[in-house]
Amino acid sequence: MKNKYDSSVVFLYAIGREQLLPLDFRKKIPYSTISSWRKTNYGNYLGHEFRYHFSDAFKCFELESENNRLKSRLLSLARVVHKNTQLH
Protein backbone atom coordinates (compact mmCIF):
# COMPACT_ATOMS: atom_id res chain seq x y z
CA MET A 1 0.00 0.00 0.00
CA LYS A 2 1.28 3.45 -0.92
CA ASN A 3 1.79 5.90 1.94
CA LYS A 4 -0.10 9.17 1.92
CA TYR A 5 1.48 12.25 3.47
CA ASP A 6 -0.08 15.37 4.87
CA SER A 7 0.28 18.40 2.62
CA SER A 8 2.31 20.17 5.31
CA VAL A 9 4.99 17.47 5.04
CA VAL A 10 5.11 17.87 1.25
CA PHE A 11 5.23 21.65 1.64
CA LEU A 12 8.16 21.53 4.06
CA TYR A 13 10.17 19.43 1.61
CA ALA A 14 9.17 21.68 -1.29
CA ILE A 15 10.50 24.78 0.48
CA GLY A 16 13.58 23.04 1.89
CA ARG A 17 12.52 23.21 5.54
CA GLU A 18 12.13 19.50 6.20
CA GLN A 19 14.48 19.81 9.20
CA LEU A 20 11.41 20.99 11.13
CA LEU A 21 10.17 17.40 11.00
CA PRO A 22 11.56 14.78 13.40
CA LEU A 23 14.50 12.88 11.94
CA ASP A 24 12.99 9.47 12.64
CA PHE A 25 9.90 10.47 10.63
CA ARG A 26 12.01 11.82 7.74
CA LYS A 27 13.99 8.58 7.55
CA LYS A 28 10.76 6.67 6.83
CA ILE A 29 10.03 8.66 3.65
CA PRO A 30 11.49 7.05 0.51
CA TYR A 31 14.04 9.14 -1.37
CA SER A 32 12.04 8.82 -4.60
CA THR A 33 9.03 10.42 -2.89
CA ILE A 34 11.12 13.29 -1.55
CA SER A 35 12.70 13.80 -4.95
CA SER A 36 9.34 14.04 -6.67
CA TRP A 37 8.15 16.60 -4.11
CA ARG A 38 11.21 18.74 -4.74
CA LYS A 39 10.92 18.55 -8.54
CA THR A 40 7.23 19.47 -8.71
CA ASN A 41 6.42 22.91 -10.09
CA TYR A 42 3.86 24.08 -7.58
CA GLY A 43 3.31 27.23 -9.62
CA ASN A 44 1.04 25.11 -11.83
CA TYR A 45 -1.38 24.49 -8.96
CA LEU A 46 -4.41 26.69 -8.39
CA GLY A 47 -3.90 28.75 -5.25
CA HIS A 48 -0.11 28.57 -5.31
CA GLU A 49 0.02 32.32 -4.79
CA PHE A 50 -1.18 31.80 -1.21
CA ARG A 51 1.71 29.52 -0.22
CA TYR A 52 3.47 32.45 1.44
CA HIS A 53 0.94 32.24 4.28
CA PHE A 54 2.23 28.78 5.15
CA SER A 55 5.83 29.81 4.65
CA ASP A 56 5.36 32.67 7.10
CA ALA A 57 3.73 30.33 9.63
CA PHE A 58 6.63 27.89 9.41
CA LYS A 59 9.12 30.74 9.83
CA CYS A 60 7.31 31.72 13.03
CA PHE A 61 7.46 28.11 14.20
CA GLU A 62 11.20 28.01 13.51
CA LEU A 63 11.72 31.22 15.48
CA GLU A 64 9.66 29.93 18.40
CA SER A 65 11.64 26.68 18.44
CA GLU A 66 14.93 28.58 18.35
CA ASN A 67 13.76 30.90 21.14
CA ASN A 68 12.81 27.93 23.32
CA ARG A 69 16.16 26.26 22.67
CA LEU A 70 18.05 29.47 23.52
CA LYS A 71 15.95 30.02 26.64
CA SER A 72 16.80 26.54 27.86
CA ARG A 73 20.52 27.11 27.26
CA LEU A 74 20.40 30.47 29.00
CA LEU A 75 18.71 28.97 32.06
CA SER A 76 21.36 26.24 32.19
CA LEU A 77 24.11 28.83 31.98
CA ALA A 78 22.45 30.90 34.70
CA ARG A 79 22.37 27.85 37.00
CA VAL A 80 26.08 27.21 36.43
CA VAL A 81 26.97 30.84 37.10
CA HIS A 82 24.80 30.85 40.21
CA LYS A 83 26.49 27.71 41.55
CA ASN A 84 29.94 29.14 40.85
CA THR A 85 29.16 32.38 42.64
CA GLN A 86 27.98 30.45 45.69
CA LEU A 87 31.25 28.51 45.81
CA HIS A 88 33.39 31.64 45.97
C-alpha atoms as a PDB file:
ATOM      1  CA  MET A   1       0.000   0.000   0.000  1.00  0.00           C
ATOM      2  CA  LYS A   2       1.280   3.447  -0.919  1.00  0.00           C
ATOM      3  CA  ASN A   3       1.792   5.900   1.938  1.00  0.00           C
ATOM      4  CA  LYS A   4      -0.100   9.170   1.921  1.00  0.00           C
ATOM      5  CA  TYR A   5       1.479  12.245   3.466  1.00  0.00           C
ATOM      6  CA  ASP A   6      -0.079  15.367   4.870  1.00  0.00           C
ATOM      7  CA  SER A   7       0.280  18.399   2.619  1.00  0.00           C
ATOM      8  CA  SER A   8       2.308  20.168   5.310  1.00  0.00           C
ATOM      9  CA  VAL A   9       4.985  17.472   5.037  1.00  0.00           C
ATOM     10  CA  VAL A  10       5.112  17.866   1.249  1.00  0.00           C
ATOM     11  CA  PHE A  11       5.230  21.653   1.641  1.00  0.00           C
ATOM     12  CA  LEU A  12       8.161  21.534   4.061  1.00  0.00           C
ATOM     13  CA  TYR A  13      10.167  19.433   1.613  1.00  0.00           C
ATOM     14  CA  ALA A  14       9.168  21.678  -1.287  1.00  0.00           C
ATOM     15  CA  ILE A  15      10.503  24.779   0.481  1.00  0.00           C
ATOM     16  CA  GLY A  16      13.579  23.040   1.895  1.00  0.00           C
ATOM     17  CA  ARG A  17      12.519  23.213   5.540  1.00  0.00           C
ATOM     18  CA  GLU A  18      12.128  19.502   6.199  1.00  0.00           C
ATOM     19  CA  GLN A  19      14.476  19.813   9.201  1.00  0.00           C
ATOM     20  CA  LEU A  20      11.407  20.992  11.130  1.00  0.00           C
ATOM     21  CA  LEU A  21      10.174  17.399  11.005  1.00  0.00           C
ATOM     22  CA  PRO A  22      11.556  14.783  13.395  1.00  0.00           C
ATOM     23  CA  LEU A  23      14.499  12.883  11.943  1.00  0.00           C
ATOM     24  CA  ASP A  24      12.986   9.467  12.645  1.00  0.00           C
ATOM     25  CA  PHE A  25       9.896  10.474  10.626  1.00  0.00           C
ATOM     26  CA  ARG A  26      12.014  11.815   7.742  1.00  0.00           C
ATOM     27  CA  LYS A  27      13.986   8.576   7.552  1.00  0.00           C
ATOM     28  CA  LYS A  28      10.755   6.672   6.827  1.00  0.00           C
ATOM     29  CA  ILE A  29      10.033   8.655   3.651  1.00  0.00           C
ATOM     30  CA  PRO A  30      11.488   7.054   0.508  1.00  0.00           C
ATOM     31  CA  TYR A  31      14.037   9.145  -1.368  1.00  0.00           C
ATOM     32  CA  SER A  32      12.041   8.816  -4.604  1.00  0.00           C
ATOM     33  CA  THR A  33       9.033  10.420  -2.890  1.00  0.00           C
ATOM     34  CA  ILE A  34      11.120  13.292  -1.552  1.00  0.00           C
ATOM     35  CA  SER A  35      12.703  13.798  -4.947  1.00  0.00           C
ATOM     36  CA  SER A  36       9.336  14.039  -6.671  1.00  0.00           C
ATOM     37  CA  TRP A  37       8.147  16.599  -4.113  1.00  0.00           C
ATOM     38  CA  ARG A  38      11.205  18.744  -4.736  1.00  0.00           C
ATOM     39  CA  LYS A  39      10.919  18.547  -8.536  1.00  0.00           C
ATOM     40  CA  THR A  40       7.228  19.474  -8.708  1.00  0.00           C
ATOM     41  CA  ASN A  41       6.421  22.914 -10.089  1.00  0.00           C
ATOM     42  CA  TYR A  42       3.859  24.082  -7.577  1.00  0.00           C
ATOM     43  CA  GLY A  43       3.310  27.226  -9.621  1.00  0.00           C
ATOM     44  CA  ASN A  44       1.041  25.115 -11.830  1.00  0.00           C
ATOM     45  CA  TYR A  45      -1.383  24.495  -8.959  1.00  0.00           C
ATOM     46  CA  LEU A  46      -4.405  26.685  -8.387  1.00  0.00           C
ATOM     47  CA  GLY A  47      -3.902  28.751  -5.250  1.00  0.00           C
ATOM     48  CA  HIS A  48      -0.107  28.575  -5.305  1.00  0.00           C
ATOM     49  CA  GLU A  49       0.021  32.324  -4.788  1.00  0.00           C
ATOM     50  CA  PHE A  50      -1.182  31.799  -1.206  1.00  0.00           C
ATOM     51  CA  ARG A  51       1.708  29.518  -0.215  1.00  0.00           C
ATOM     52  CA  TYR A  52       3.472  32.450   1.439  1.00  0.00           C
ATOM     53  CA  HIS A  53       0.942  32.244   4.280  1.00  0.00           C
ATOM     54  CA  PHE A  54       2.235  28.783   5.147  1.00  0.00           C
ATOM     55  CA  SER A  55       5.829  29.812   4.647  1.00  0.00           C
ATOM     56  CA  ASP A  56       5.356  32.672   7.100  1.00  0.00           C
ATOM     57  CA  ALA A  57       3.730  30.332   9.628  1.00  0.00           C
ATOM     58  CA  PHE A  58       6.632  27.894   9.414  1.00  0.00           C
ATOM     59  CA  LYS A  59       9.122  30.737   9.831  1.00  0.00           C
ATOM     60  CA  CYS A  60       7.313  31.718  13.026  1.00  0.00           C
ATOM     61  CA  PHE A  61       7.456  28.106  14.198  1.00  0.00           C
ATOM     62  CA  GLU A  62      11.201  28.013  13.512  1.00  0.00           C
ATOM     63  CA  LEU A  63      11.715  31.221  15.475  1.00  0.00           C
ATOM     64  CA  GLU A  64       9.661  29.931  18.395  1.00  0.00           C
ATOM     65  CA  SER A  65      11.639  26.685  18.439  1.00  0.00           C
ATOM     66  CA  GLU A  66      14.930  28.582  18.346  1.00  0.00           C
ATOM     67  CA  ASN A  67      13.756  30.901  21.138  1.00  0.00           C
ATOM     68  CA  ASN A  68      12.810  27.929  23.318  1.00  0.00           C
ATOM     69  CA  ARG A  69      16.165  26.262  22.673  1.00  0.00           C
ATOM     70  CA  LEU A  70      18.048  29.468  23.525  1.00  0.00           C
ATOM     71  CA  LYS A  71      15.947  30.024  26.636  1.00  0.00           C
ATOM     72  CA  SER A  72      16.802  26.540  27.856  1.00  0.00           C
ATOM     73  CA  ARG A  73      20.519  27.111  27.261  1.00  0.00           C
ATOM     74  CA  LEU A  74      20.403  30.469  28.998  1.00  0.00           C
ATOM     75  CA  LEU A  75      18.709  28.967  32.056  1.00  0.00           C
ATOM     76  CA  SER A  76      21.356  26.240  32.187  1.00  0.00           C
ATOM     77  CA  LEU A  77      24.108  28.832  31.976  1.00  0.00           C
ATOM     78  CA  ALA A  78      22.445  30.903  34.702  1.00  0.00           C
ATOM     79  CA  ARG A  79      22.371  27.846  36.996  1.00  0.00           C
ATOM     80  CA  VAL A  80      26.081  27.205  36.428  1.00  0.00           C
ATOM     81  CA  VAL A  81      26.973  30.844  37.105  1.00  0.00           C
ATOM     82  CA  HIS A  82      24.796  30.852  40.214  1.00  0.00           C
ATOM     83  CA  LYS A  83      26.486  27.706  41.553  1.00  0.00           C
ATOM     84  CA  ASN A  84      29.945  29.142  40.855  1.00  0.00           C
ATOM     85  CA  THR A  85      29.162  32.385  42.644  1.00  0.00           C
ATOM     86  CA  GLN A  86      27.978  30.449  45.692  1.00  0.00           C
ATOM     87  CA  LEU A  87      31.249  28.505  45.811  1.00  0.00           C
ATOM     88  CA  HIS A  88      33.392  31.641  45.974  1.00  0.00           C
END
